Protein backbone atom coordinates (compact mmCIF):
# COMPACT_ATOMS: atom_id res chain seq x y z
CA MET A 1 -7.27 -9.75 6.97
CA ILE A 2 -7.78 -9.32 10.79
CA GLN A 3 -9.70 -11.28 13.26
CA ILE A 4 -11.71 -9.49 15.88
CA ARG A 5 -12.50 -11.16 19.14
CA GLU A 6 -16.33 -11.06 19.83
CA ASP A 7 -15.89 -10.39 23.51
CA LEU A 8 -14.33 -7.02 23.10
CA ASP A 9 -16.30 -3.83 24.08
CA ILE A 10 -15.12 -1.70 21.17
CA ASN A 11 -16.44 -0.72 17.80
CA PRO A 12 -14.12 -2.72 15.40
CA SER A 13 -14.37 -0.15 12.81
CA GLN A 14 -13.25 2.89 15.07
CA ALA A 15 -10.41 0.69 16.49
CA PHE A 16 -9.18 -0.12 13.16
CA SER A 17 -9.55 3.52 11.89
CA ASN A 18 -7.55 4.54 15.02
CA PHE A 19 -4.91 2.06 14.00
CA LEU A 20 -4.65 3.36 10.46
CA ASN A 21 -4.66 6.93 11.52
CA SER A 22 -1.84 6.30 14.05
CA TYR A 23 0.30 4.38 11.59
CA THR A 24 -0.15 7.03 8.92
CA GLN A 25 0.89 9.96 11.38
CA ALA A 26 4.07 7.93 12.43
CA PHE A 27 4.96 7.12 8.78
CA ASN A 28 4.36 10.79 7.76
CA LYS A 29 6.55 11.99 10.65
CA LYS A 30 9.30 9.64 9.97
CA TYR A 31 9.20 10.46 6.14
CA GLN A 32 8.48 14.10 6.49
CA ARG A 33 5.44 13.91 4.45
CA LYS A 34 1.72 14.88 4.63
CA GLY A 35 -1.47 13.35 3.56
CA SER A 36 -3.18 10.04 3.47
CA LEU A 37 -1.42 6.58 2.88
CA PHE A 38 -4.66 4.61 2.34
CA ILE A 39 -7.50 4.85 -0.19
CA PRO A 40 -10.50 6.76 1.52
CA ASN A 41 -12.87 3.90 1.79
CA ILE A 42 -11.48 0.53 2.96
CA ASN A 43 -14.00 -2.18 2.29
CA ARG A 44 -14.82 -4.21 5.36
CA ARG A 45 -16.79 -7.29 5.28
CA LYS A 46 -17.50 -9.92 7.88
CA ILE A 47 -16.49 -13.27 6.81
CA GLU A 48 -19.34 -15.60 7.22
CA SER A 49 -18.53 -18.65 5.25
CA ASP A 50 -15.74 -21.00 4.91
CA SER A 51 -15.52 -20.58 1.39
CA TYR A 52 -15.28 -16.82 1.55
CA PHE A 53 -12.54 -17.10 4.25
CA THR A 54 -10.47 -19.44 1.96
CA ARG A 55 -10.87 -17.10 -1.04
CA CYS A 56 -9.89 -14.06 0.94
CA ILE A 57 -6.67 -15.48 1.88
CA SER A 58 -5.72 -16.49 -1.72
CA TYR A 59 -7.00 -12.91 -2.91
CA ILE A 60 -4.82 -11.16 -0.28
CA HIS A 61 -1.73 -12.99 -1.67
CA GLN A 62 -2.58 -12.61 -5.34
CA ASN A 63 -3.56 -8.96 -5.10
CA PRO A 64 0.04 -7.52 -5.70
CA SER A 65 0.34 -9.12 -9.04
CA HIS A 66 -3.25 -8.31 -10.08
CA HIS A 67 -2.41 -4.70 -9.56
CA GLY A 68 1.05 -4.89 -11.32
CA PHE A 69 3.39 -4.38 -8.50
CA VAL A 70 4.92 -7.71 -9.21
CA LYS A 71 4.60 -10.20 -12.14
CA ASP A 72 4.29 -13.23 -9.81
CA PHE A 73 2.49 -12.67 -6.34
CA ARG A 74 5.14 -14.97 -4.76
CA ASP A 75 7.72 -12.34 -5.39
CA TRP A 76 5.86 -9.58 -3.38
CA LYS A 77 8.16 -9.00 -0.48
CA PHE A 78 5.53 -7.58 1.81
CA SER A 79 3.27 -10.65 1.78
CA SER A 80 2.67 -13.25 4.40
CA TRP A 81 3.21 -15.94 1.53
CA LYS A 82 6.92 -16.73 2.08
CA SER A 83 6.30 -16.87 5.96
CA LEU A 84 3.40 -19.17 5.52
CA ILE A 85 5.33 -21.64 3.37
CA SER A 86 8.67 -21.35 5.28
CA THR A 87 9.76 -23.23 8.54
CA SER A 88 10.92 -20.06 10.21
CA LEU A 89 9.11 -18.87 13.48
CA THR A 90 6.81 -15.98 12.72
CA LYS A 91 3.99 -14.31 14.80
CA LEU A 92 1.54 -15.53 12.04
CA GLU A 93 -0.71 -18.51 12.91
CA THR A 94 0.99 -20.62 10.17
CA HIS A 95 -0.26 -24.01 11.29
CA ALA A 96 -3.77 -22.74 11.53
CA VAL A 97 -3.66 -21.29 8.01
CA LEU A 98 -1.89 -24.36 6.62
CA ASP A 99 -4.43 -26.61 8.41
CA TRP A 100 -7.22 -24.70 7.03
CA PHE A 101 -6.10 -25.68 3.49
CA GLY A 102 -5.47 -29.38 4.51
CA GLY A 103 -1.74 -28.70 4.82
CA ILE A 104 1.01 -27.07 2.74
CA ASP A 105 0.00 -28.95 -0.57
CA GLY A 106 -3.68 -27.69 -0.29
CA PHE A 107 -2.39 -24.18 0.45
CA LEU A 108 -0.20 -24.24 -2.66
CA LYS A 109 -2.94 -25.71 -4.91
CA ASP A 110 -5.50 -23.13 -3.80
CA HIS A 111 -3.11 -20.41 -4.79
CA GLU A 112 -2.67 -21.77 -8.17
CA VAL A 113 -6.22 -20.71 -9.01
CA GLU A 114 -6.04 -17.15 -10.36
CA TYR A 115 -8.98 -14.82 -9.62
CA ASP A 116 -10.95 -12.90 -12.24
CA PRO A 117 -11.85 -9.43 -10.86
CA GLU A 118 -14.49 -9.01 -13.49
CA ASN A 119 -16.34 -11.91 -12.35
CA GLU A 120 -15.06 -12.62 -8.86
CA TRP A 121 -17.60 -12.33 -5.85
CA ILE A 122 -14.97 -11.14 -3.51
CA PHE A 123 -14.93 -7.80 -5.07
CA GLY A 124 -18.72 -7.33 -4.22
CA LYS A 125 -20.28 -7.97 -7.51
């Protein structure tokens, strides 16, 4: 999830595309490989409601277990999950995220609800 400032004079889709292309080129150079790293069509949606924002955060954390990378999403080492629930300093807006859920207890409780990709509105159905 990224936040784009409204006052920027750039096309957010183009800026994000440039970022992904630069990352892919650097990754490919480092690991001596060629080709794409990302699926061709990344879905972008503007978050326009509080409930959708809340659901997106939980979805992002739960997604690795949904796709079978790990059994429990809390074990995915590339997730912001552990950073958000730890007391260590990070560049994440930890307090803002936890405050959104009403504190750590609300954050943890919301993440106990598993999404159903067949009936979940976050997937565009």
